[in-house]
Amino acid sequence: MTFLIRIFSSICFFLLIGCSNEQITSKNVERSDLDTSLQTWVQTKSQENGIYIRKMNEHKDPTEKIRYLIFSKKDLNYDYRTIKLDQKDGTLSIYLKDKIASDEQYMKSESLFIITLDSPPEKIEMYLNEKPVDYQMEQP
């Protein structure tokens, strides 16, 4: 019986911790996955190398999640970009990292990610290969 109480207590503890943390997700997408206005925005930004963030919704409904589109353009090397996210004390940290591609089909000069959050961050920090990097932020 004591064993069951410990298991139940542990489950409750993990549920409380899990429920108190804000959910952040990211998804790698292709241009064709985006609506026409976002495809046009990406086409415009693809003229120059850089990192761009665009808020995808206004978050007027409190139940609606916040979504950002991250577009990064670089010279074609033999690599591709990955993303990792962290949110603490109102700051969203976005870590982009270049990885060597195993063959030509994985090489990409641009990367598109959609980030989904429960609430808007107070501040966004961007890192590329573990170094702080500038980015351009745009509203819809």
C-alpha atoms as a PDB file:
ATOM      1  CA  MET A   1       0.000   0.000   0.000  1.00  0.00           C
ATOM      2  CA  THR A   2       2.846   2.391   0.850  1.00  0.00           C
ATOM      3  CA  PHE A   3       4.378   1.643  -2.530  1.00  0.00           C
ATOM      4  CA  LEU A   4       1.127   2.630  -4.295  1.00  0.00           C
ATOM      5  CA  ILE A   5       0.928   5.864  -2.305  1.00  0.00           C
ATOM      6  CA  ARG A   6       4.499   6.758  -3.361  1.00  0.00           C
ATOM      7  CA  ILE A   7       3.705   6.063  -7.005  1.00  0.00           C
ATOM      8  CA  PHE A   8       0.505   8.103  -6.823  1.00  0.00           C
ATOM      9  CA  SER A   9       2.346  10.971  -5.088  1.00  0.00           C
ATOM     10  CA  SER A  10       5.071  10.915  -7.733  1.00  0.00           C
ATOM     11  CA  ILE A  11       2.534  11.008 -10.555  1.00  0.00           C
ATOM     12  CA  CYS A  12       0.713  13.957  -8.943  1.00  0.00           C
ATOM     13  CA  PHE A  13       4.007  15.801  -8.463  1.00  0.00           C
ATOM     14  CA  PHE A  14       5.017  15.360 -12.097  1.00  0.00           C
ATOM     15  CA  LEU A  15       1.561  16.404 -13.289  1.00  0.00           C
ATOM     16  CA  LEU A  16       1.712  19.577 -11.219  1.00  0.00           C
ATOM     17  CA  ILE A  17       5.156  20.433 -12.540  1.00  0.00           C
ATOM     18  CA  GLY A  18       4.112  19.626 -16.109  1.00  0.00           C
ATOM     19  CA  CYS A  19       0.957  21.703 -15.875  1.00  0.00           C
ATOM     20  CA  SER A  20       2.749  24.707 -14.429  1.00  0.00           C
ATOM     21  CA  ASN A  21       5.301  24.846 -17.261  1.00  0.00           C
ATOM     22  CA  GLU A  22       4.357  26.656 -20.414  1.00  0.00           C
ATOM     23  CA  GLN A  23       4.277  24.494 -23.505  1.00  0.00           C
ATOM     24  CA  ILE A  24       6.587  25.456 -26.370  1.00  0.00           C
ATOM     25  CA  THR A  25       6.691  23.504 -29.588  1.00  0.00           C
ATOM     26  CA  SER A  26       8.484  23.910 -32.885  1.00  0.00           C
ATOM     27  CA  LYS A  27       7.865  22.406 -36.270  1.00  0.00           C
ATOM     28  CA  ASN A  28      10.089  22.454 -39.332  1.00  0.00           C
ATOM     29  CA  VAL A  29       8.001  23.444 -42.382  1.00  0.00           C
ATOM     30  CA  GLU A  30       8.435  24.035 -46.107  1.00  0.00           C
ATOM     31  CA  ARG A  31       7.280  27.100 -48.034  1.00  0.00           C
ATOM     32  CA  SER A  32       4.484  25.070 -49.600  1.00  0.00           C
ATOM     33  CA  ASP A  33       3.082  24.391 -46.085  1.00  0.00           C
ATOM     34  CA  LEU A  34       2.431  28.121 -45.580  1.00  0.00           C
ATOM     35  CA  ASP A  35      -0.535  30.200 -46.686  1.00  0.00           C
ATOM     36  CA  THR A  36      -0.073  32.544 -49.661  1.00  0.00           C
ATOM     37  CA  SER A  37       0.642  35.696 -47.623  1.00  0.00           C
ATOM     38  CA  LEU A  38       3.379  33.947 -45.630  1.00  0.00           C
ATOM     39  CA  GLN A  39       4.865  32.459 -48.814  1.00  0.00           C
ATOM     40  CA  THR A  40       5.044  35.987 -50.247  1.00  0.00           C
ATOM     41  CA  TRP A  41       6.682  37.268 -47.042  1.00  0.00           C
ATOM     42  CA  VAL A  42       9.297  34.474 -47.191  1.00  0.00           C
ATOM     43  CA  GLN A  43       9.958  35.202 -50.881  1.00  0.00           C
ATOM     44  CA  THR A  44      10.574  38.872 -50.050  1.00  0.00           C
ATOM     45  CA  LYS A  45      12.917  38.039 -47.164  1.00  0.00           C
ATOM     46  CA  SER A  46      14.805  35.391 -49.173  1.00  0.00           C
ATOM     47  CA  GLN A  47      16.577  38.124 -51.150  1.00  0.00           C
ATOM     48  CA  GLU A  48      19.125  38.591 -48.331  1.00  0.00           C
ATOM     49  CA  ASN A  49      20.801  36.379 -45.757  1.00  0.00           C
ATOM     50  CA  GLY A  50      19.471  36.825 -42.225  1.00  0.00           C
ATOM     51  CA  ILE A  51      17.112  35.584 -39.527  1.00  0.00           C
ATOM     52  CA  TYR A  52      13.542  36.829 -39.517  1.00  0.00           C
ATOM     53  CA  ILE A  53      10.667  36.267 -37.088  1.00  0.00           C
ATOM     54  CA  ARG A  54       7.055  37.018 -37.940  1.00  0.00           C
ATOM     55  CA  LYS A  55       4.176  36.761 -35.517  1.00  0.00           C
ATOM     56  CA  MET A  56       1.513  34.698 -37.249  1.00  0.00           C
ATOM     57  CA  ASN A  57      -1.532  35.702 -35.176  1.00  0.00           C
ATOM     58  CA  GLU A  58      -2.736  38.579 -33.036  1.00  0.00           C
ATOM     59  CA  HIS A  59      -3.634  36.441 -29.971  1.00  0.00           C
ATOM     60  CA  LYS A  60      -6.907  38.306 -29.404  1.00  0.00           C
ATOM     61  CA  ASP A  61      -8.623  35.197 -28.075  1.00  0.00           C
ATOM     62  CA  PRO A  62      -7.087  34.176 -24.702  1.00  0.00           C
ATOM     63  CA  THR A  63      -7.477  30.493 -25.592  1.00  0.00           C
ATOM     64  CA  GLU A  64      -5.529  30.921 -28.851  1.00  0.00           C
ATOM     65  CA  LYS A  65      -1.877  29.918 -28.820  1.00  0.00           C
ATOM     66  CA  ILE A  66       0.825  32.348 -29.975  1.00  0.00           C
ATOM     67  CA  ARG A  67       2.557  31.347 -33.202  1.00  0.00           C
ATOM     68  CA  TYR A  68       5.734  32.685 -34.777  1.00  0.00           C
ATOM     69  CA  LEU A  69       7.305  31.860 -38.115  1.00  0.00           C
ATOM     70  CA  ILE A  70      11.097  31.836 -38.103  1.00  0.00           C
ATOM     71  CA  PHE A  71      12.810  32.133 -41.464  1.00  0.00           C
ATOM     72  CA  SER A  72      16.584  31.939 -41.772  1.00  0.00           C
ATOM     73  CA  LYS A  73      18.500  32.373 -45.028  1.00  0.00           C
ATOM     74  CA  LYS A  74      22.203  31.724 -45.496  1.00  0.00           C
ATOM     75  CA  ASP A  75      24.697  30.933 -48.215  1.00  0.00           C
ATOM     76  CA  LEU A  76      24.428  27.297 -49.238  1.00  0.00           C
ATOM     77  CA  ASN A  77      27.100  25.353 -47.474  1.00  0.00           C
ATOM     78  CA  TYR A  78      27.014  21.649 -46.807  1.00  0.00           C
ATOM     79  CA  ASP A  79      24.641  21.887 -43.905  1.00  0.00           C
ATOM     80  CA  TYR A  80      21.137  22.516 -42.605  1.00  0.00           C
ATOM     81  CA  ARG A  81      19.711  24.234 -39.507  1.00  0.00           C
ATOM     82  CA  THR A  82      18.079  22.801 -36.395  1.00  0.00           C
ATOM     83  CA  ILE A  83      16.173  24.580 -33.626  1.00  0.00           C
ATOM     84  CA  LYS A  84      15.964  24.250 -29.856  1.00  0.00           C
ATOM     85  CA  LEU A  85      13.755  26.392 -27.602  1.00  0.00           C
ATOM     86  CA  ASP A  86      13.854  27.417 -23.967  1.00  0.00           C
ATOM     87  CA  GLN A  87      11.622  29.785 -22.001  1.00  0.00           C
ATOM     88  CA  LYS A  88      12.476  31.125 -18.556  1.00  0.00           C
ATOM     89  CA  ASP A  89      11.364  34.208 -16.657  1.00  0.00           C
ATOM     90  CA  GLY A  90       9.461  35.612 -19.653  1.00  0.00           C
ATOM     91  CA  THR A  91      12.401  35.237 -22.068  1.00  0.00           C
ATOM     92  CA  LEU A  92      12.129  32.931 -25.062  1.00  0.00           C
ATOM     93  CA  SER A  93      15.578  31.721 -26.134  1.00  0.00           C
ATOM     94  CA  ILE A  94      15.830  30.346 -29.665  1.00  0.00           C
ATOM     95  CA  TYR A  95      18.917  28.299 -30.467  1.00  0.00           C
ATOM     96  CA  LEU A  96      19.613  27.689 -34.154  1.00  0.00           C
ATOM     97  CA  LYS A  97      22.461  25.356 -34.998  1.00  0.00           C
ATOM     98  CA  ASP A  98      24.085  24.412 -38.274  1.00  0.00           C
ATOM     99  CA  LYS A  99      24.593  20.688 -38.796  1.00  0.00           C
ATOM    100  CA  ILE A 100      26.591  18.991 -41.547  1.00  0.00           C
ATOM    101  CA  ALA A 101      24.283  17.317 -44.066  1.00  0.00           C
ATOM    102  CA  SER A 102      24.864  13.632 -44.744  1.00  0.00           C
ATOM    103  CA  ASP A 103      24.294  14.170 -48.469  1.00  0.00           C
ATOM    104  CA  GLU A 104      23.097  16.751 -50.993  1.00  0.00           C
ATOM    105  CA  GLN A 105      19.380  16.196 -50.471  1.00  0.00           C
ATOM    106  CA  TYR A 106      19.604  17.537 -46.900  1.00  0.00           C
ATOM    107  CA  MET A 107      21.556  20.712 -47.734  1.00  0.00           C
ATOM    108  CA  LYS A 108      19.406  23.803 -47.316  1.00  0.00           C
ATOM    109  CA  SER A 109      20.145  27.491 -47.688  1.00  0.00           C
ATOM    110  CA  GLU A 110      16.929  28.406 -45.866  1.00  0.00           C
ATOM    111  CA  SER A 111      15.037  27.053 -42.888  1.00  0.00           C
ATOM    112  CA  LEU A 112      11.449  27.614 -41.797  1.00  0.00           C
ATOM    113  CA  PHE A 113      10.141  26.835 -38.326  1.00  0.00           C
ATOM    114  CA  ILE A 114       6.790  27.508 -36.697  1.00  0.00           C
ATOM    115  CA  ILE A 115       6.976  28.032 -32.931  1.00  0.00           C
ATOM    116  CA  THR A 116       3.826  27.694 -30.824  1.00  0.00           C
ATOM    117  CA  LEU A 117       3.569  29.136 -27.285  1.00  0.00           C
ATOM    118  CA  ASP A 118       0.836  29.431 -24.676  1.00  0.00           C
ATOM    119  CA  SER A 119       1.488  33.152 -24.105  1.00  0.00           C
ATOM    120  CA  PRO A 120       3.673  35.849 -25.674  1.00  0.00           C
ATOM    121  CA  PRO A 121       7.216  36.176 -24.324  1.00  0.00           C
ATOM    122  CA  GLU A 122       8.384  39.464 -22.843  1.00  0.00           C
ATOM    123  CA  LYS A 123      11.708  39.124 -24.651  1.00  0.00           C
ATOM    124  CA  ILE A 124      13.155  36.955 -27.438  1.00  0.00           C
ATOM    125  CA  GLU A 125      16.847  36.054 -27.617  1.00  0.00           C
ATOM    126  CA  MET A 126      18.320  34.418 -30.720  1.00  0.00           C
ATOM    127  CA  TYR A 127      21.467  32.307 -30.867  1.00  0.00           C
ATOM    128  CA  LEU A 128      23.202  30.811 -33.882  1.00  0.00           C
ATOM    129  CA  ASN A 129      25.760  28.094 -33.188  1.00  0.00           C
ATOM    130  CA  GLU A 130      25.717  29.089 -29.501  1.00  0.00           C
ATOM    131  CA  LYS A 131      26.511  32.784 -30.175  1.00  0.00           C
ATOM    132  CA  PRO A 132      24.022  35.644 -29.790  1.00  0.00           C
ATOM    133  CA  VAL A 133      22.818  36.844 -33.190  1.00  0.00           C
ATOM    134  CA  ASP A 134      20.624  39.703 -34.445  1.00  0.00           C
ATOM    135  CA  TYR A 135      17.277  39.035 -36.045  1.00  0.00           C
ATOM    136  CA  GLN A 136      14.466  41.069 -37.564  1.00  0.00           C
ATOM    137  CA  MET A 137      11.029  40.893 -35.889  1.00  0.00           C
ATOM    138  CA  GLU A 138       7.826  41.660 -37.791  1.00  0.00           C
ATOM    139  CA  GLN A 139       4.144  41.765 -36.852  1.00  0.00           C
ATOM    140  CA  PRO A 140       1.421  40.462 -39.226  1.00  0.00           C
END
